Amino acid sequence: MEYKYFLPPLRRLPSAFFMIICVFVLCITVFRISDVANSTTFQRHFVFPLTIFVFLIEAIRFAFEFFQVIVINPIEITYRASGYTVSVHWKDVTRIGQRSILKYDCLFVDKSTEGVKIWLPGTLWGEAEAFIPLSHFEKNWRDSELGQQIKQYAPHLFQGAEDVPSR
């Protein structure tokens, strides 16, 4: 039996809202710059390129956040996001821990493990482990169906001292 977990709609809402704002600002900037006679050098050479850059970065972030999915079956766990895929056997998941300043819970896998595919540059710069974010999908994932399946298929993750306490 295979189970799929998608990001909850409210987790996607801030990204969608910010993307709409970026498109709005980009349109305003383009229309103001198109009137070359009234646009300043600052607008043409700084504001417009900066707006394009922010829009592209936000588009990448939006795609990365919006299309995340975790697929679980008895043999493996797969996490897919734009530019980043981790598909590994349960025995290759090394630990549960927290990642980044925001301290969200993740499953960790050695980056060199077969099944870790990264095509978005900079996704794991300087990191030895790939990750599968759990807190993004379920706020209290340990008590959810997602947590119960992880406990069923990978009990070795809950036997060590590295386990993060429940919130």
C-alpha atoms as a PDB file:
ATOM      1  CA  MET A   1       0.000   0.000   0.000  1.00  0.00           C
ATOM      2  CA  GLU A   2       1.330   3.418  -0.965  1.00  0.00           C
ATOM      3  CA  TYR A   3       0.458   6.632   0.868  1.00  0.00           C
ATOM      4  CA  LYS A   4       0.932  10.181  -0.453  1.00  0.00           C
ATOM      5  CA  TYR A   5       1.159  13.301   1.665  1.00  0.00           C
ATOM      6  CA  PHE A   6       0.869  16.742   0.100  1.00  0.00           C
ATOM      7  CA  LEU A   7       1.468  20.114   1.704  1.00  0.00           C
ATOM      8  CA  PRO A   8      -1.678  21.377   3.418  1.00  0.00           C
ATOM      9  CA  PRO A   9      -3.344  24.256   1.509  1.00  0.00           C
ATOM     10  CA  LEU A  10      -2.643  26.786   4.275  1.00  0.00           C
ATOM     11  CA  ARG A  11       1.086  25.983   4.037  1.00  0.00           C
ATOM     12  CA  ARG A  12       0.970  26.871   0.338  1.00  0.00           C
ATOM     13  CA  LEU A  13      -1.023  30.088   0.762  1.00  0.00           C
ATOM     14  CA  PRO A  14       1.848  32.426   1.794  1.00  0.00           C
ATOM     15  CA  SER A  15       3.912  31.361  -1.227  1.00  0.00           C
ATOM     16  CA  ALA A  16       0.998  31.883  -3.588  1.00  0.00           C
ATOM     17  CA  PHE A  17       0.238  35.289  -2.050  1.00  0.00           C
ATOM     18  CA  PHE A  18       3.853  36.445  -2.304  1.00  0.00           C
ATOM     19  CA  MET A  19       4.042  35.208  -5.896  1.00  0.00           C
ATOM     20  CA  ILE A  20       0.983  37.306  -6.797  1.00  0.00           C
ATOM     21  CA  ILE A  21       2.597  40.361  -5.190  1.00  0.00           C
ATOM     22  CA  CYS A  22       5.802  39.735  -7.182  1.00  0.00           C
ATOM     23  CA  VAL A  23       3.862  39.539 -10.457  1.00  0.00           C
ATOM     24  CA  PHE A  24       2.016  42.747  -9.581  1.00  0.00           C
ATOM     25  CA  VAL A  25       5.253  44.609  -8.780  1.00  0.00           C
ATOM     26  CA  LEU A  26       6.890  43.247 -11.934  1.00  0.00           C
ATOM     27  CA  CYS A  27       3.985  44.469 -14.088  1.00  0.00           C
ATOM     28  CA  ILE A  28       4.054  47.926 -12.502  1.00  0.00           C
ATOM     29  CA  THR A  29       7.811  48.159 -12.981  1.00  0.00           C
ATOM     30  CA  VAL A  30       7.621  47.063 -16.621  1.00  0.00           C
ATOM     31  CA  PHE A  31       4.886  49.577 -17.419  1.00  0.00           C
ATOM     32  CA  ARG A  32       6.762  52.413 -15.695  1.00  0.00           C
ATOM     33  CA  ILE A  33      10.032  51.527 -17.440  1.00  0.00           C
ATOM     34  CA  SER A  34       8.325  51.209 -20.835  1.00  0.00           C
ATOM     35  CA  ASP A  35       7.765  54.956 -20.746  1.00  0.00           C
ATOM     36  CA  VAL A  36      11.482  55.526 -21.448  1.00  0.00           C
ATOM     37  CA  ALA A  37      11.163  59.298 -21.720  1.00  0.00           C
ATOM     38  CA  ASN A  38       9.923  59.555 -18.116  1.00  0.00           C
ATOM     39  CA  SER A  39      11.949  56.744 -16.530  1.00  0.00           C
ATOM     40  CA  THR A  40      15.164  57.521 -14.716  1.00  0.00           C
ATOM     41  CA  THR A  41      18.490  55.802 -15.194  1.00  0.00           C
ATOM     42  CA  PHE A  42      18.079  54.376 -11.690  1.00  0.00           C
ATOM     43  CA  GLN A  43      14.786  52.755 -12.677  1.00  0.00           C
ATOM     44  CA  ARG A  44      16.154  51.315 -15.929  1.00  0.00           C
ATOM     45  CA  HIS A  45      19.464  50.035 -14.583  1.00  0.00           C
ATOM     46  CA  PHE A  46      18.689  49.077 -11.009  1.00  0.00           C
ATOM     47  CA  VAL A  47      14.989  48.747 -10.173  1.00  0.00           C
ATOM     48  CA  PHE A  48      13.989  46.753 -13.249  1.00  0.00           C
ATOM     49  CA  PRO A  49      16.823  44.153 -13.070  1.00  0.00           C
ATOM     50  CA  LEU A  50      16.333  43.840  -9.304  1.00  0.00           C
ATOM     51  CA  THR A  51      12.605  43.266  -9.787  1.00  0.00           C
ATOM     52  CA  ILE A  52      13.273  40.590 -12.416  1.00  0.00           C
ATOM     53  CA  PHE A  53      15.815  38.905 -10.122  1.00  0.00           C
ATOM     54  CA  VAL A  54      13.431  38.868  -7.123  1.00  0.00           C
ATOM     55  CA  PHE A  55      10.642  37.551  -9.341  1.00  0.00           C
ATOM     56  CA  LEU A  56      12.792  34.672 -10.629  1.00  0.00           C
ATOM     57  CA  ILE A  57      14.004  33.741  -7.137  1.00  0.00           C
ATOM     58  CA  GLU A  58      10.439  33.799  -5.833  1.00  0.00           C
ATOM     59  CA  ALA A  59       9.220  31.715  -8.781  1.00  0.00           C
ATOM     60  CA  ILE A  60      11.815  29.048  -7.946  1.00  0.00           C
ATOM     61  CA  ARG A  61      10.892  29.145  -4.248  1.00  0.00           C
ATOM     62  CA  PHE A  62       7.196  28.973  -5.117  1.00  0.00           C
ATOM     63  CA  ALA A  63       7.717  25.906  -7.321  1.00  0.00           C
ATOM     64  CA  PHE A  64       9.878  24.290  -4.645  1.00  0.00           C
ATOM     65  CA  GLU A  65       7.295  24.784  -1.895  1.00  0.00           C
ATOM     66  CA  PHE A  66       4.086  24.323  -3.823  1.00  0.00           C
ATOM     67  CA  PHE A  67       4.732  20.927  -5.358  1.00  0.00           C
ATOM     68  CA  GLN A  68       6.173  18.981  -2.415  1.00  0.00           C
ATOM     69  CA  VAL A  69       4.995  15.436  -1.777  1.00  0.00           C
ATOM     70  CA  ILE A  70       6.030  12.526   0.447  1.00  0.00           C
ATOM     71  CA  VAL A  71       5.265   9.014  -0.820  1.00  0.00           C
ATOM     72  CA  ILE A  72       5.522   6.158   1.681  1.00  0.00           C
ATOM     73  CA  ASN A  73       5.376   2.423   1.088  1.00  0.00           C
ATOM     74  CA  PRO A  74       6.786  -0.562   3.021  1.00  0.00           C
ATOM     75  CA  ILE A  75      10.029  -0.567   1.008  1.00  0.00           C
ATOM     76  CA  GLU A  76      10.970   3.100   0.704  1.00  0.00           C
ATOM     77  CA  ILE A  77      10.173   6.723   1.371  1.00  0.00           C
ATOM     78  CA  THR A  78      10.226   9.326  -1.393  1.00  0.00           C
ATOM     79  CA  TYR A  79      10.206  13.088  -1.040  1.00  0.00           C
ATOM     80  CA  ARG A  80       9.756  15.162  -4.176  1.00  0.00           C
ATOM     81  CA  ALA A  81      10.028  18.902  -4.549  1.00  0.00           C
ATOM     82  CA  SER A  82      11.055  20.976  -7.528  1.00  0.00           C
ATOM     83  CA  GLY A  83      14.781  20.447  -7.967  1.00  0.00           C
ATOM     84  CA  TYR A  84      15.180  17.975  -5.142  1.00  0.00           C
ATOM     85  CA  THR A  85      14.224  14.299  -4.837  1.00  0.00           C
ATOM     86  CA  VAL A  86      15.087  11.806  -2.114  1.00  0.00           C
ATOM     87  CA  SER A  87      13.937   8.238  -2.709  1.00  0.00           C
ATOM     88  CA  VAL A  88      15.588   5.784  -0.334  1.00  0.00           C
ATOM     89  CA  HIS A  89      14.994   2.478   1.392  1.00  0.00           C
ATOM     90  CA  TRP A  90      13.967   2.770   5.012  1.00  0.00           C
ATOM     91  CA  LYS A  91      17.275   1.272   6.184  1.00  0.00           C
ATOM     92  CA  ASP A  92      19.139   4.212   4.567  1.00  0.00           C
ATOM     93  CA  VAL A  93      17.330   6.826   6.651  1.00  0.00           C
ATOM     94  CA  THR A  94      19.910   7.626   9.340  1.00  0.00           C
ATOM     95  CA  ARG A  95      18.139   9.777  11.907  1.00  0.00           C
ATOM     96  CA  ILE A  96      15.387  12.175  12.888  1.00  0.00           C
ATOM     97  CA  GLY A  97      16.534  15.670  13.717  1.00  0.00           C
ATOM     98  CA  GLN A  98      15.923  19.360  13.255  1.00  0.00           C
ATOM     99  CA  ARG A  99      17.140  21.485  10.380  1.00  0.00           C
ATOM    100  CA  SER A 100      17.821  25.195   9.957  1.00  0.00           C
ATOM    101  CA  ILE A 101      17.133  28.163  12.131  1.00  0.00           C
ATOM    102  CA  LEU A 102      13.401  27.456  11.952  1.00  0.00           C
ATOM    103  CA  LYS A 103      13.965  24.081  13.656  1.00  0.00           C
ATOM    104  CA  TYR A 104      11.634  21.913  11.636  1.00  0.00           C
ATOM    105  CA  ASP A 105      11.741  18.129  12.045  1.00  0.00           C
ATOM    106  CA  CYS A 106      13.289  16.089   9.238  1.00  0.00           C
ATOM    107  CA  LEU A 107      14.421  12.613   8.339  1.00  0.00           C
ATOM    108  CA  PHE A 108      18.096  12.640   7.350  1.00  0.00           C
ATOM    109  CA  VAL A 109      19.873  10.554   4.716  1.00  0.00           C
ATOM    110  CA  ASP A 110      23.545  10.553   3.728  1.00  0.00           C
ATOM    111  CA  LYS A 111      23.826  12.763   0.626  1.00  0.00           C
ATOM    112  CA  SER A 112      25.882  10.127  -1.203  1.00  0.00           C
ATOM    113  CA  THR A 113      23.146   7.490  -0.861  1.00  0.00           C
ATOM    114  CA  GLU A 114      21.732   6.253  -4.157  1.00  0.00           C
ATOM    115  CA  GLY A 115      18.317   7.813  -4.642  1.00  0.00           C
ATOM    116  CA  VAL A 116      19.235  11.379  -3.691  1.00  0.00           C
ATOM    117  CA  LYS A 117      18.839  13.553  -6.781  1.00  0.00           C
ATOM    118  CA  ILE A 118      19.494  17.266  -6.645  1.00  0.00           C
ATOM    119  CA  TRP A 119      19.358  19.441  -9.732  1.00  0.00           C
ATOM    120  CA  LEU A 120      18.600  22.794  -8.093  1.00  0.00           C
ATOM    121  CA  PRO A 121      22.019  24.370  -7.483  1.00  0.00           C
ATOM    122  CA  GLY A 122      22.808  25.230  -3.893  1.00  0.00           C
ATOM    123  CA  THR A 123      20.106  23.088  -2.337  1.00  0.00           C
ATOM    124  CA  LEU A 124      22.529  21.271  -0.027  1.00  0.00           C
ATOM    125  CA  TRP A 125      25.714  23.350  -0.187  1.00  0.00           C
ATOM    126  CA  GLY A 126      28.028  22.384   2.629  1.00  0.00           C
ATOM    127  CA  GLU A 127      25.699  19.759   4.032  1.00  0.00           C
ATOM    128  CA  ALA A 128      26.620  16.110   4.410  1.00  0.00           C
ATOM    129  CA  GLU A 129      23.041  14.893   4.648  1.00  0.00           C
ATOM    130  CA  ALA A 130      19.956  15.145   2.492  1.00  0.00           C
ATOM    131  CA  PHE A 131      16.682  15.662   4.309  1.00  0.00           C
ATOM    132  CA  ILE A 132      12.964  14.949   4.144  1.00  0.00           C
ATOM    133  CA  PRO A 133      10.989  17.651   5.985  1.00  0.00           C
ATOM    134  CA  LEU A 134       8.200  16.227   8.110  1.00  0.00           C
ATOM    135  CA  SER A 135       6.952  19.287   9.988  1.00  0.00           C
ATOM    136  CA  HIS A 136       5.956  20.911   6.686  1.00  0.00           C
ATOM    137  CA  PHE A 137       3.366  18.208   6.080  1.00  0.00           C
ATOM    138  CA  GLU A 138       2.022  17.661   9.579  1.00  0.00           C
ATOM    139  CA  LYS A 139       2.593  20.116  12.418  1.00  0.00           C
ATOM    140  CA  ASN A 140       2.474  17.332  15.005  1.00  0.00           C
ATOM    141  CA  TRP A 141       3.662  14.597  12.658  1.00  0.00           C
ATOM    142  CA  ARG A 142       4.565  12.118  15.419  1.00  0.00           C
ATOM    143  CA  ASP A 143       0.906  11.687  16.388  1.00  0.00           C
ATOM    144  CA  SER A 144      -0.401  11.694  12.813  1.00  0.00           C
ATOM    145  CA  GLU A 145      -0.817   8.912  10.275  1.00  0.00           C
ATOM    146  CA  LEU A 146       2.487  10.027   8.736  1.00  0.00           C
ATOM    147  CA  GLY A 147       4.307   9.502  12.048  1.00  0.00           C
ATOM    148  CA  GLN A 148       2.676   6.129  12.645  1.00  0.00           C
ATOM    149  CA  GLN A 149       3.838   4.889   9.249  1.00  0.00           C
ATOM    150  CA  ILE A 150       7.385   6.085   9.872  1.00  0.00           C
ATOM    151  CA  LYS A 151       7.363   4.265  13.231  1.00  0.00           C
ATOM    152  CA  GLN A 152       6.053   1.128  11.516  1.00  0.00           C
ATOM    153  CA  TYR A 153       8.551   1.077   8.633  1.00  0.00           C
ATOM    154  CA  ALA A 154      11.603   2.545  10.388  1.00  0.00           C
ATOM    155  CA  PRO A 155      11.506   1.697  14.094  1.00  0.00           C
ATOM    156  CA  HIS A 156      15.308   2.091  14.256  1.00  0.00           C
ATOM    157  CA  LEU A 157      14.823   5.862  14.061  1.00  0.00           C
ATOM    158  CA  PHE A 158      13.024   5.957  17.403  1.00  0.00           C
ATOM    159  CA  GLN A 159      15.540   3.910  19.419  1.00  0.00           C
ATOM    160  CA  GLY A 160      18.439   6.407  19.590  1.00  0.00           C
ATOM    161  CA  ALA A 161      19.262   9.433  21.685  1.00  0.00           C
ATOM    162  CA  GLU A 162      19.173  11.657  18.577  1.00  0.00           C
ATOM    163  CA  ASP A 163      15.405  11.474  18.490  1.00  0.00           C
ATOM    164  CA  VAL A 164      13.809  14.907  18.877  1.00  0.00           C
ATOM    165  CA  PRO A 165      11.325  15.236  21.740  1.00  0.00           C
ATOM    166  CA  SER A 166       7.663  15.619  20.826  1.00  0.00           C
ATOM    167  CA  ARG A 167       6.218  19.141  20.837  1.00  0.00           C
END
